[in-house]
Amino acid sequence: RLIEEGKSASFLSILTTWVWNGGPFTVPSAMSK
């Protein structure tokens, strides 16, 4: 929608540090994030 309307915006996602070294015992979340 923003691209179609030519509007700028900021997107922010909340992750975890597991995205860099993996998340043992939280594998589905670590994979998704």
PDB file of all heavy atoms in Angstrom:
ATOM      1  N   ARG A   1       0.841  -1.212   0.000  1.00  0.00           N
ATOM      2  CA  ARG A   1       0.000   0.000   0.000  1.00  0.00           C
ATOM      3  C   ARG A   1       0.867   1.250   0.000  1.00  0.00           C
ATOM      4  O   ARG A   1       0.574   2.233  -0.709  1.00  0.00           O
ATOM      5  CB  ARG A   1      -0.911  -0.004   1.223  1.00  0.00           C
ATOM      6  CG  ARG A   1      -1.934  -1.134   1.259  1.00  0.00           C
ATOM      7  CD  ARG A   1      -2.704  -1.104   2.567  1.00  0.00           C
ATOM      8  NE  ARG A   1      -3.452  -2.328   2.803  1.00  0.00           N
ATOM      9  CZ  ARG A   1      -4.785  -2.403   2.922  1.00  0.00           C
ATOM     10  NH1 ARG A   1      -5.498  -1.297   2.819  1.00  0.00           N
ATOM     11  NH2 ARG A   1      -5.375  -3.552   3.139  1.00  0.00           N
ATOM     12  N   LEU A   2       1.902   1.242   0.826  1.00  0.00           N
ATOM     13  CA  LEU A   2       2.771   2.417   0.908  1.00  0.00           C
ATOM     14  C   LEU A   2       3.504   2.673  -0.401  1.00  0.00           C
ATOM     15  O   LEU A   2       3.648   3.819  -0.837  1.00  0.00           O
ATOM     16  CB  LEU A   2       3.773   2.231   2.047  1.00  0.00           C
ATOM     17  CG  LEU A   2       3.172   2.200   3.463  1.00  0.00           C
ATOM     18  CD1 LEU A   2       4.203   1.702   4.465  1.00  0.00           C
ATOM     19  CD2 LEU A   2       2.665   3.580   3.873  1.00  0.00           C
ATOM     20  N   ILE A   3       3.971   1.604  -1.035  1.00  0.00           N
ATOM     21  CA  ILE A   3       4.647   1.749  -2.329  1.00  0.00           C
ATOM     22  C   ILE A   3       3.692   2.332  -3.361  1.00  0.00           C
ATOM     23  O   ILE A   3       4.043   3.256  -4.114  1.00  0.00           O
ATOM     24  CB  ILE A   3       5.210   0.393  -2.788  1.00  0.00           C
ATOM     25  CG1 ILE A   3       6.365  -0.046  -1.875  1.00  0.00           C
ATOM     26  CG2 ILE A   3       5.663   0.459  -4.249  1.00  0.00           C
ATOM     27  CD1 ILE A   3       6.807  -1.480  -2.087  1.00  0.00           C
ATOM     28  N   GLU A   4       2.481   1.820  -3.398  1.00  0.00           N
ATOM     29  CA  GLU A   4       1.491   2.294  -4.369  1.00  0.00           C
ATOM     30  C   GLU A   4       1.182   3.774  -4.163  1.00  0.00           C
ATOM     31  O   GLU A   4       0.990   4.518  -5.130  1.00  0.00           O
ATOM     32  CB  GLU A   4       0.211   1.461  -4.254  1.00  0.00           C
ATOM     33  CG  GLU A   4      -0.856   1.845  -5.268  1.00  0.00           C
ATOM     34  CD  GLU A   4      -2.094   0.969  -5.176  1.00  0.00           C
ATOM     35  OE1 GLU A   4      -2.031  -0.093  -4.506  1.00  0.00           O
ATOM     36  OE2 GLU A   4      -3.123   1.340  -5.764  1.00  0.00           O
ATOM     37  N   GLU A   5       1.150   4.213  -2.896  1.00  0.00           N
ATOM     38  CA  GLU A   5       0.806   5.597  -2.599  1.00  0.00           C
ATOM     39  C   GLU A   5       2.017   6.518  -2.555  1.00  0.00           C
ATOM     40  O   GLU A   5       1.873   7.734  -2.373  1.00  0.00           O
ATOM     41  CB  GLU A   5       0.060   5.660  -1.256  1.00  0.00           C
ATOM     42  CG  GLU A   5      -1.275   4.938  -1.275  1.00  0.00           C
ATOM     43  CD  GLU A   5      -2.003   5.022   0.063  1.00  0.00           C
ATOM     44  OE1 GLU A   5      -1.616   5.856   0.915  1.00  0.00           O
ATOM     45  OE2 GLU A   5      -2.962   4.255   0.248  1.00  0.00           O
ATOM     46  N   GLY A   6       3.203   5.969  -2.687  1.00  0.00           N
ATOM     47  CA  GLY A   6       4.412   6.782  -2.652  1.00  0.00           C
ATOM     48  C   GLY A   6       4.706   7.368  -1.285  1.00  0.00           C
ATOM     49  O   GLY A   6       5.286   8.455  -1.171  1.00  0.00           O
ATOM     50  N   LYS A   7       4.371   6.630  -0.211  1.00  0.00           N
ATOM     51  CA  LYS A   7       4.563   7.102   1.157  1.00  0.00           C
ATOM     52  C   LYS A   7       5.753   6.405   1.807  1.00  0.00           C
ATOM     53  O   LYS A   7       5.975   5.204   1.605  1.00  0.00           O
ATOM     54  CB  LYS A   7       3.304   6.831   1.999  1.00  0.00           C
ATOM     55  CG  LYS A   7       2.034   7.476   1.460  1.00  0.00           C
ATOM     56  CD  LYS A   7       2.049   8.975   1.633  1.00  0.00           C
ATOM     57  CE  LYS A   7       0.796   9.616   1.075  1.00  0.00           C
ATOM     58  NZ  LYS A   7      -0.430   9.177   1.774  1.00  0.00           N
ATOM     59  N   SER A   8       6.513   7.142   2.583  1.00  0.00           N
ATOM     60  CA  SER A   8       7.638   6.564   3.320  1.00  0.00           C
ATOM     61  C   SER A   8       7.161   6.082   4.684  1.00  0.00           C
ATOM     62  O   SER A   8       6.147   6.550   5.213  1.00  0.00           O
ATOM     63  CB  SER A   8       8.757   7.580   3.491  1.00  0.00           C
ATOM     64  OG  SER A   8       8.295   8.709   4.211  1.00  0.00           O
ATOM     65  N   ALA A   9       7.895   5.142   5.279  1.00  0.00           N
ATOM     66  CA  ALA A   9       7.531   4.601   6.589  1.00  0.00           C
ATOM     67  C   ALA A   9       8.712   3.819   7.150  1.00  0.00           C
ATOM     68  O   ALA A   9       9.654   3.470   6.437  1.00  0.00           O
ATOM     69  CB  ALA A   9       6.302   3.691   6.496  1.00  0.00           C
ATOM     70  N   SER A  10       8.617   3.531   8.437  1.00  0.00           N
ATOM     71  CA  SER A  10       9.637   2.752   9.122  1.00  0.00           C
ATOM     72  C   SER A  10       9.021   1.478   9.672  1.00  0.00           C
ATOM     73  O   SER A  10       7.961   1.519  10.306  1.00  0.00           O
ATOM     74  CB  SER A  10      10.241   3.571  10.270  1.00  0.00           C
ATOM     75  OG  SER A  10      11.214   2.813  10.969  1.00  0.00           O
ATOM     76  N   PHE A  11       9.679   0.353   9.426  1.00  0.00           N
ATOM     77  CA  PHE A  11       9.253  -0.944   9.950  1.00  0.00           C
ATOM     78  C   PHE A  11      10.289  -1.407  10.981  1.00  0.00           C
ATOM     79  O   PHE A  11      11.499  -1.355  10.729  1.00  0.00           O
ATOM     80  CB  PHE A  11       9.165  -1.990   8.835  1.00  0.00           C
ATOM     81  CG  PHE A  11       8.034  -1.783   7.874  1.00  0.00           C
ATOM     82  CD1 PHE A  11       8.110  -0.788   6.905  1.00  0.00           C
ATOM     83  CD2 PHE A  11       6.904  -2.581   7.916  1.00  0.00           C
ATOM     84  CE1 PHE A  11       7.069  -0.603   6.000  1.00  0.00           C
ATOM     85  CE2 PHE A  11       5.860  -2.407   7.018  1.00  0.00           C
ATOM     86  CZ  PHE A  11       5.943  -1.401   6.050  1.00  0.00           C
ATOM     87  N   LEU A  12       9.786  -1.870  12.112  1.00  0.00           N
ATOM     88  CA  LEU A  12      10.654  -2.356  13.184  1.00  0.00           C
ATOM     89  C   LEU A  12      10.161  -3.722  13.628  1.00  0.00           C
ATOM     90  O   LEU A  12       8.983  -3.898  13.933  1.00  0.00           O
ATOM     91  CB  LEU A  12      10.615  -1.382  14.369  1.00  0.00           C
ATOM     92  CG  LEU A  12      11.413  -1.777  15.618  1.00  0.00           C
ATOM     93  CD1 LEU A  12      12.902  -1.792  15.314  1.00  0.00           C
ATOM     94  CD2 LEU A  12      11.109  -0.819  16.765  1.00  0.00           C
ATOM     95  N   SER A  13      11.055  -4.707  13.663  1.00  0.00           N
ATOM     96  CA  SER A  13      10.693  -6.045  14.130  1.00  0.00           C
ATOM     97  C   SER A  13      11.429  -6.352  15.425  1.00  0.00           C
ATOM     98  O   SER A  13      12.599  -5.999  15.586  1.00  0.00           O
ATOM     99  CB  SER A  13      11.045  -7.099  13.068  1.00  0.00           C
ATOM    100  OG  SER A  13      10.255  -6.931  11.911  1.00  0.00           O
ATOM    101  N   ILE A  14      10.726  -7.015  16.343  1.00  0.00           N
ATOM    102  CA  ILE A  14      11.314  -7.400  17.623  1.00  0.00           C
ATOM    103  C   ILE A  14      11.798  -8.843  17.511  1.00  0.00           C
ATOM    104  O   ILE A  14      11.004  -9.764  17.342  1.00  0.00           O
ATOM    105  CB  ILE A  14      10.305  -7.237  18.772  1.00  0.00           C
ATOM    106  CG1 ILE A  14       9.757  -5.801  18.791  1.00  0.00           C
ATOM    107  CG2 ILE A  14      10.972  -7.573  20.100  1.00  0.00           C
ATOM    108  CD1 ILE A  14      10.815  -4.710  18.913  1.00  0.00           C
ATOM    109  N   LEU A  15      13.099  -9.027  17.599  1.00  0.00           N
ATOM    110  CA  LEU A  15      13.719 -10.339  17.440  1.00  0.00           C
ATOM    111  C   LEU A  15      14.359 -10.767  18.757  1.00  0.00           C
ATOM    112  O   LEU A  15      13.905 -10.410  19.823  1.00  0.00           O
ATOM    113  CB  LEU A  15      14.755 -10.283  16.308  1.00  0.00           C
ATOM    114  CG  LEU A  15      14.239  -9.756  14.972  1.00  0.00           C
ATOM    115  CD1 LEU A  15      15.353  -9.738  13.934  1.00  0.00           C
ATOM    116  CD2 LEU A  15      13.066 -10.592  14.465  1.00  0.00           C
ATOM    117  N   THR A  16      15.386 -11.564  18.692  1.00  0.00           N
ATOM    118  CA  THR A  16      16.201 -11.937  19.851  1.00  0.00           C
ATOM    119  C   THR A  16      17.631 -12.133  19.357  1.00  0.00           C
ATOM    120  O   THR A  16      17.869 -12.248  18.150  1.00  0.00           O
ATOM    121  CB  THR A  16      15.742 -13.259  20.513  1.00  0.00           C
ATOM    122  OG1 THR A  16      16.090 -14.343  19.639  1.00  0.00           O
ATOM    123  CG2 THR A  16      14.253 -13.274  20.784  1.00  0.00           C
ATOM    124  N   THR A  17      18.570 -12.203  20.277  1.00  0.00           N
ATOM    125  CA  THR A  17      19.958 -12.441  19.876  1.00  0.00           C
ATOM    126  C   THR A  17      20.161 -13.862  19.344  1.00  0.00           C
ATOM    127  O   THR A  17      21.220 -14.169  18.788  1.00  0.00           O
ATOM    128  CB  THR A  17      20.928 -12.192  21.046  1.00  0.00           C
ATOM    129  OG1 THR A  17      20.562 -13.019  22.157  1.00  0.00           O
ATOM    130  CG2 THR A  17      20.900 -10.728  21.462  1.00  0.00           C
ATOM    131  N   TRP A  18      19.146 -14.711  19.474  1.00  0.00           N
ATOM    132  CA  TRP A  18      19.262 -16.071  18.934  1.00  0.00           C
ATOM    133  C   TRP A  18      19.410 -16.063  17.424  1.00  0.00           C
ATOM    134  O   TRP A  18      19.842 -17.067  16.848  1.00  0.00           O
ATOM    135  CB  TRP A  18      18.029 -16.902  19.291  1.00  0.00           C
ATOM    136  CG  TRP A  18      17.655 -16.876  20.730  1.00  0.00           C
ATOM    137  CD1 TRP A  18      18.481 -16.655  21.792  1.00  0.00           C
ATOM    138  CD2 TRP A  18      16.348 -17.060  21.270  1.00  0.00           C
ATOM    139  NE1 TRP A  18      17.775 -16.698  22.967  1.00  0.00           N
ATOM    140  CE2 TRP A  18      16.457 -16.940  22.683  1.00  0.00           C
ATOM    141  CE3 TRP A  18      15.102 -17.309  20.716  1.00  0.00           C
ATOM    142  CZ2 TRP A  18      15.364 -17.071  23.525  1.00  0.00           C
ATOM    143  CZ3 TRP A  18      14.005 -17.439  21.553  1.00  0.00           C
ATOM    144  CH2 TRP A  18      14.140 -17.319  22.952  1.00  0.00           C
ATOM    145  N   VAL A  19      19.055 -14.972  16.758  1.00  0.00           N
ATOM    146  CA  VAL A  19      19.187 -14.944  15.301  1.00  0.00           C
ATOM    147  C   VAL A  19      20.650 -15.047  14.880  1.00  0.00           C
ATOM    148  O   VAL A  19      20.950 -15.348  13.720  1.00  0.00           O
ATOM    149  CB  VAL A  19      18.552 -13.672  14.690  1.00  0.00           C
ATOM    150  CG1 VAL A  19      17.080 -13.591  15.053  1.00  0.00           C
ATOM    151  CG2 VAL A  19      19.287 -12.407  15.124  1.00  0.00           C
ATOM    152  N   TRP A  20      21.581 -14.809  15.807  1.00  0.00           N
ATOM    153  CA  TRP A  20      23.000 -14.857  15.486  1.00  0.00           C
ATOM    154  C   TRP A  20      23.666 -16.162  15.924  1.00  0.00           C
ATOM    155  O   TRP A  20      24.683 -16.539  15.360  1.00  0.00           O
ATOM    156  CB  TRP A  20      23.733 -13.680  16.140  1.00  0.00           C
ATOM    157  CG  TRP A  20      23.290 -12.353  15.607  1.00  0.00           C
ATOM    158  CD1 TRP A  20      23.183 -11.988  14.294  1.00  0.00           C
ATOM    159  CD2 TRP A  20      22.891 -11.222  16.373  1.00  0.00           C
ATOM    160  NE1 TRP A  20      22.734 -10.689  14.198  1.00  0.00           N
ATOM    161  CE2 TRP A  20      22.554 -10.184  15.456  1.00  0.00           C
ATOM    162  CE3 TRP A  20      22.793 -10.957  17.745  1.00  0.00           C
ATOM    163  CZ2 TRP A  20      22.125  -8.929  15.862  1.00  0.00           C
ATOM    164  CZ3 TRP A  20      22.360  -9.706  18.153  1.00  0.00           C
ATOM    165  CH2 TRP A  20      22.037  -8.714  17.213  1.00  0.00           C
ATOM    166  N   ASN A  21      23.122 -16.823  16.937  1.00  0.00           N
ATOM    167  CA  ASN A  21      23.822 -18.027  17.415  1.00  0.00           C
ATOM    168  C   ASN A  21      22.894 -19.194  17.725  1.00  0.00           C
ATOM    169  O   ASN A  21      23.319 -20.194  18.269  1.00  0.00           O
ATOM    170  CB  ASN A  21      24.648 -17.699  18.674  1.00  0.00           C
ATOM    171  CG  ASN A  21      23.777 -17.403  19.880  1.00  0.00           C
ATOM    172  OD1 ASN A  21      22.636 -16.958  19.738  1.00  0.00           O
ATOM    173  ND2 ASN A  21      24.298 -17.644  21.081  1.00  0.00           N
ATOM    174  N   GLY A  22      21.618 -19.092  17.348  1.00  0.00           N
ATOM    175  CA  GLY A  22      20.689 -20.197  17.560  1.00  0.00           C
ATOM    176  C   GLY A  22      20.032 -20.165  18.925  1.00  0.00           C
ATOM    177  O   GLY A  22      20.513 -19.508  19.852  1.00  0.00           O
ATOM    178  N   GLY A  23      18.925 -20.887  19.030  1.00  0.00           N
ATOM    179  CA  GLY A  23      18.162 -20.905  20.270  1.00  0.00           C
ATOM    180  C   GLY A  23      17.832 -22.314  20.707  1.00  0.00           C
ATOM    181  O   GLY A  23      16.725 -22.818  20.454  1.00  0.00           O
ATOM    182  N   PRO A  24      18.775 -23.008  21.348  1.00  0.00           N
ATOM    183  CA  PRO A  24      18.456 -24.344  21.852  1.00  0.00           C
ATOM    184  C   PRO A  24      17.278 -24.298  22.807  1.00  0.00           C
ATOM    185  O   PRO A  24      17.175 -23.395  23.626  1.00  0.00           O
ATOM    186  CB  PRO A  24      19.742 -24.773  22.566  1.00  0.00           C
ATOM    187  CG  PRO A  24      20.499 -23.507  22.821  1.00  0.00           C
ATOM    188  CD  PRO A  24      20.128 -22.574  21.720  1.00  0.00           C
ATOM    189  N   PHE A  25      16.374 -25.257  22.665  1.00  0.00           N
ATOM    190  CA  PHE A  25      15.148 -25.395  23.449  1.00  0.00           C
ATOM    191  C   PHE A  25      14.081 -24.369  23.051  1.00  0.00           C
ATOM    192  O   PHE A  25      13.010 -24.350  23.645  1.00  0.00           O
ATOM    193  CB  PHE A  25      15.425 -25.331  24.963  1.00  0.00           C
ATOM    194  CG  PHE A  25      16.397 -26.373  25.431  1.00  0.00           C
ATOM    195  CD1 PHE A  25      17.691 -26.034  25.771  1.00  0.00           C
ATOM    196  CD2 PHE A  25      16.032 -27.713  25.504  1.00  0.00           C
ATOM    197  CE1 PHE A  25      18.607 -26.996  26.179  1.00  0.00           C
ATOM    198  CE2 PHE A  25      16.924 -28.685  25.914  1.00  0.00           C
ATOM    199  CZ  PHE A  25      18.219 -28.330  26.245  1.00  0.00           C
ATOM    200  N   THR A  26      14.337 -23.558  22.045  1.00  0.00           N
ATOM    201  CA  THR A  26      13.333 -22.644  21.477  1.00  0.00           C
ATOM    202  C   THR A  26      13.497 -22.637  19.951  1.00  0.00           C
ATOM    203  O   THR A  26      13.437 -21.581  19.313  1.00  0.00           O
ATOM    204  CB  THR A  26      13.492 -21.211  22.018  1.00  0.00           C
ATOM    205  OG1 THR A  26      14.847 -20.778  21.805  1.00  0.00           O
ATOM    206  CG2 THR A  26      13.150 -21.123  23.486  1.00  0.00           C
ATOM    207  N   VAL A  27      13.682 -23.801  19.359  1.00  0.00           N
ATOM    208  CA  VAL A  27      14.050 -23.892  17.950  1.00  0.00           C
ATOM    209  C   VAL A  27      12.994 -23.298  17.012  1.00  0.00           C
ATOM    210  O   VAL A  27      13.347 -22.561  16.080  1.00  0.00           O
ATOM    211  CB  VAL A  27      14.392 -25.348  17.576  1.00  0.00           C
ATOM    212  CG1 VAL A  27      14.454 -25.547  16.063  1.00  0.00           C
ATOM    213  CG2 VAL A  27      15.731 -25.727  18.209  1.00  0.00           C
ATOM    214  N   PRO A  28      11.678 -23.555  17.180  1.00  0.00           N
ATOM    215  CA  PRO A  28      10.711 -22.943  16.255  1.00  0.00           C
ATOM    216  C   PRO A  28      10.783 -21.420  16.246  1.00  0.00           C
ATOM    217  O   PRO A  28      10.726 -20.795  15.183  1.00  0.00           O
ATOM    218  CB  PRO A  28       9.357 -23.441  16.779  1.00  0.00           C
ATOM    219  CG  PRO A  28       9.676 -24.722  17.478  1.00  0.00           C
ATOM    220  CD  PRO A  28      11.018 -24.489  18.121  1.00  0.00           C
ATOM    221  N   SER A  29      10.932 -20.811  17.422  1.00  0.00           N
ATOM    222  CA  SER A  29      11.035 -19.359  17.505  1.00  0.00           C
ATOM    223  C   SER A  29      12.347 -18.866  16.915  1.00  0.00           C
ATOM    224  O   SER A  29      12.385 -17.873  16.175  1.00  0.00           O
ATOM    225  CB  SER A  29      10.918 -18.906  18.962  1.00  0.00           C
ATOM    226  OG  SER A  29      11.143 -17.516  19.082  1.00  0.00           O
ATOM    227  N   ALA A  30      13.446 -19.551  17.235  1.00  0.00           N
ATOM    228  CA  ALA A  30      14.750 -19.131  16.718  1.00  0.00           C
ATOM    229  C   ALA A  30      14.773 -19.196  15.197  1.00  0.00           C
ATOM    230  O   ALA A  30      15.294 -18.285  14.529  1.00  0.00           O
ATOM    231  CB  ALA A  30      15.852 -20.007  17.307  1.00  0.00           C
ATOM    232  N   MET A  31      14.206 -20.247  14.621  1.00  0.00           N
ATOM    233  CA  MET A  31      14.134 -20.353  13.167  1.00  0.00           C
ATOM    234  C   MET A  31      13.300 -19.220  12.574  1.00  0.00           C
ATOM    235  O   MET A  31      13.696 -18.585  11.582  1.00  0.00           O
ATOM    236  CB  MET A  31      13.524 -21.701  12.774  1.00  0.00           C
ATOM    237  CG  MET A  31      14.392 -22.907  13.058  1.00  0.00           C
ATOM    238  SD  MET A  31      13.521 -24.468  12.734  1.00  0.00           S
ATOM    239  CE  MET A  31      13.271 -24.358  10.960  1.00  0.00           C
ATOM    240  N   SER A  32      12.144 -18.956  13.181  1.00  0.00           N
ATOM    241  CA  SER A  32      11.228 -17.950  12.643  1.00  0.00           C
ATOM    242  C   SER A  32      11.806 -16.550  12.743  1.00  0.00           C
ATOM    243  O   SER A  32      11.717 -15.751  11.807  1.00  0.00           O
ATOM    244  CB  SER A  32       9.887 -18.032  13.378  1.00  0.00           C
ATOM    245  OG  SER A  32       9.276 -19.294  13.187  1.00  0.00           O
ATOM    246  N   LYS A  33      12.408 -16.238  13.883  1.00  0.00           N
ATOM    247  CA  LYS A  33      12.972 -14.902  14.057  1.00  0.00           C
ATOM    248  C   LYS A  33      14.211 -14.705  13.185  1.00  0.00           C
ATOM    249  O   LYS A  33      14.490 -13.584  12.723  1.00  0.00           O
ATOM    250  CB  LYS A  33      13.274 -14.646  15.533  1.00  0.00           C
ATOM    251  CG  LYS A  33      12.017 -14.405  16.363  1.00  0.00           C
ATOM    252  CD  LYS A  33      12.323 -14.039  17.796  1.00  0.00           C
ATOM    253  CE  LYS A  33      11.041 -13.754  18.582  1.00  0.00           C
ATOM    254  NZ  LYS A  33      10.381 -12.498  18.145  1.00  0.00           N
TER     255      LYS A  33
END
